[in-house]
Amino acid sequence: MKSQLPLRSAIIEILRDNKGVVIDTDLIIALKSRYGDYNFSNTEINRNLLALETQGLIHVQNITNRRRRIQQIESENVYMGVEED
């Protein structure tokens, strides 16, 4: 059965299932297994990751030019912006 969750909620759920950390390629595989044949565009995934990051729920870090590490931020760990130091 296909998931009815919004994409942002599904990303958070996938992170929780993976102990709070996932590589972007593994995230895409998990999304495909949840939503079936529906293919999310890179733009759609990036837009949702950016929204979650600006809400302070996740942190996205580049590992290489093509791979990213996505980590769920726990309520105790708060990342400050550049000008908030």
C-alpha atoms as a PDB file:
ATOM      1  CA  MET A   1       0.000   0.000   0.000  1.00  0.00           C
ATOM      2  CA  LYS A   2       1.237   3.461  -0.853  1.00  0.00           C
ATOM      3  CA  SER A   3       1.932   5.980   1.870  1.00  0.00           C
ATOM      4  CA  GLN A   4      -0.430   8.915   2.344  1.00  0.00           C
ATOM      5  CA  LEU A   5       2.023  10.898   4.486  1.00  0.00           C
ATOM      6  CA  PRO A   6       3.289  14.269   3.263  1.00  0.00           C
ATOM      7  CA  LEU A   7       6.883  14.066   2.050  1.00  0.00           C
ATOM      8  CA  ARG A   8       8.303  16.030   5.012  1.00  0.00           C
ATOM      9  CA  SER A   9       6.627  13.722   7.508  1.00  0.00           C
ATOM     10  CA  ALA A  10       7.873  10.668   5.636  1.00  0.00           C
ATOM     11  CA  ILE A  11      11.450  12.001   5.719  1.00  0.00           C
ATOM     12  CA  ILE A  12      11.259  12.507   9.502  1.00  0.00           C
ATOM     13  CA  GLU A  13       9.789   9.025   9.928  1.00  0.00           C
ATOM     14  CA  ILE A  14      12.561   7.475   7.817  1.00  0.00           C
ATOM     15  CA  LEU A  15      15.155   9.283   9.920  1.00  0.00           C
ATOM     16  CA  ARG A  16      13.579   7.935  13.121  1.00  0.00           C
ATOM     17  CA  ASP A  17      13.616   4.414  11.681  1.00  0.00           C
ATOM     18  CA  ASN A  18      17.358   4.813  10.902  1.00  0.00           C
ATOM     19  CA  LYS A  19      18.407   6.143  14.330  1.00  0.00           C
ATOM     20  CA  GLY A  20      18.347   9.750  13.138  1.00  0.00           C
ATOM     21  CA  VAL A  21      20.893   9.522  10.296  1.00  0.00           C
ATOM     22  CA  VAL A  22      20.543   8.597   6.636  1.00  0.00           C
ATOM     23  CA  ILE A  23      22.496   9.096   3.408  1.00  0.00           C
ATOM     24  CA  ASP A  24      20.505  10.784   0.629  1.00  0.00           C
ATOM     25  CA  THR A  25      20.656   7.732  -1.672  1.00  0.00           C
ATOM     26  CA  ASP A  26      19.233   5.546   1.119  1.00  0.00           C
ATOM     27  CA  LEU A  27      16.542   8.162   1.738  1.00  0.00           C
ATOM     28  CA  ILE A  28      15.461   7.972  -1.906  1.00  0.00           C
ATOM     29  CA  ILE A  29      15.307   4.159  -1.722  1.00  0.00           C
ATOM     30  CA  ALA A  30      13.188   4.353   1.445  1.00  0.00           C
ATOM     31  CA  LEU A  31      10.866   6.913  -0.152  1.00  0.00           C
ATOM     32  CA  LYS A  32      10.396   4.666  -3.200  1.00  0.00           C
ATOM     33  CA  SER A  33       9.471   1.743  -0.952  1.00  0.00           C
ATOM     34  CA  ARG A  34       6.916   3.911   0.909  1.00  0.00           C
ATOM     35  CA  TYR A  35       5.335   5.642  -2.069  1.00  0.00           C
ATOM     36  CA  GLY A  36       5.525   2.857  -4.627  1.00  0.00           C
ATOM     37  CA  ASP A  37       6.034   3.859  -8.235  1.00  0.00           C
ATOM     38  CA  TYR A  38       5.849   7.607  -7.614  1.00  0.00           C
ATOM     39  CA  ASN A  39       9.247   9.187  -8.364  1.00  0.00           C
ATOM     40  CA  PHE A  40      10.089  12.376  -6.526  1.00  0.00           C
ATOM     41  CA  SER A  41      12.184  14.862  -8.463  1.00  0.00           C
ATOM     42  CA  ASN A  42      15.483  16.045  -6.994  1.00  0.00           C
ATOM     43  CA  THR A  43      13.985  19.523  -6.795  1.00  0.00           C
ATOM     44  CA  GLU A  44      11.042  18.253  -4.758  1.00  0.00           C
ATOM     45  CA  ILE A  45      13.274  16.348  -2.338  1.00  0.00           C
ATOM     46  CA  ASN A  46      15.717  19.258  -1.999  1.00  0.00           C
ATOM     47  CA  ARG A  47      12.870  21.706  -1.363  1.00  0.00           C
ATOM     48  CA  ASN A  48      11.530  19.530   1.451  1.00  0.00           C
ATOM     49  CA  LEU A  49      14.981  18.964   2.949  1.00  0.00           C
ATOM     50  CA  LEU A  50      15.603  22.715   2.923  1.00  0.00           C
ATOM     51  CA  ALA A  51      12.263  23.380   4.611  1.00  0.00           C
ATOM     52  CA  LEU A  52      13.025  20.822   7.332  1.00  0.00           C
ATOM     53  CA  GLU A  53      16.495  22.282   7.815  1.00  0.00           C
ATOM     54  CA  THR A  54      15.222  25.853   8.149  1.00  0.00           C
ATOM     55  CA  GLN A  55      12.662  24.608  10.688  1.00  0.00           C
ATOM     56  CA  GLY A  56      15.552  23.230  12.729  1.00  0.00           C
ATOM     57  CA  LEU A  57      14.438  19.609  12.444  1.00  0.00           C
ATOM     58  CA  ILE A  58      17.328  18.228  10.377  1.00  0.00           C
ATOM     59  CA  HIS A  59      20.891  19.069   9.384  1.00  0.00           C
ATOM     60  CA  VAL A  60      22.168  18.278   5.878  1.00  0.00           C
ATOM     61  CA  GLN A  61      25.908  17.880   5.379  1.00  0.00           C
ATOM     62  CA  ASN A  62      27.781  17.257   2.121  1.00  0.00           C
ATOM     63  CA  ILE A  63      29.966  14.157   2.229  1.00  0.00           C
ATOM     64  CA  THR A  64      31.091  14.352  -1.399  1.00  0.00           C
ATOM     65  CA  ASN A  65      29.892  16.335  -4.399  1.00  0.00           C
ATOM     66  CA  ARG A  66      27.028  13.901  -4.933  1.00  0.00           C
ATOM     67  CA  ARG A  67      26.335  12.451  -1.479  1.00  0.00           C
ATOM     68  CA  ARG A  68      24.792  14.070   1.563  1.00  0.00           C
ATOM     69  CA  ARG A  69      24.322  12.990   5.158  1.00  0.00           C
ATOM     70  CA  ILE A  70      20.957  13.908   6.651  1.00  0.00           C
ATOM     71  CA  GLN A  71      20.713  13.959  10.430  1.00  0.00           C
ATOM     72  CA  GLN A  72      17.702  14.555  12.613  1.00  0.00           C
ATOM     73  CA  ILE A  73      18.312  17.266  15.199  1.00  0.00           C
ATOM     74  CA  GLU A  74      17.310  16.392  18.723  1.00  0.00           C
ATOM     75  CA  SER A  75      15.720  19.110  20.812  1.00  0.00           C
ATOM     76  CA  GLU A  76      18.864  19.488  22.967  1.00  0.00           C
ATOM     77  CA  ASN A  77      21.130  20.033  19.935  1.00  0.00           C
ATOM     78  CA  VAL A  78      20.439  23.403  18.389  1.00  0.00           C
ATOM     79  CA  TYR A  79      22.532  24.582  15.454  1.00  0.00           C
ATOM     80  CA  MET A  80      23.115  28.301  15.420  1.00  0.00           C
ATOM     81  CA  GLY A  81      23.130  30.336  12.242  1.00  0.00           C
ATOM     82  CA  VAL A  82      26.271  32.101  11.075  1.00  0.00           C
ATOM     83  CA  GLU A  83      25.338  35.387  12.677  1.00  0.00           C
ATOM     84  CA  GLU A  84      24.040  33.828  15.914  1.00  0.00           C
ATOM     85  CA  ASP A  85      27.459  32.847  17.332  1.00  0.00           C
END
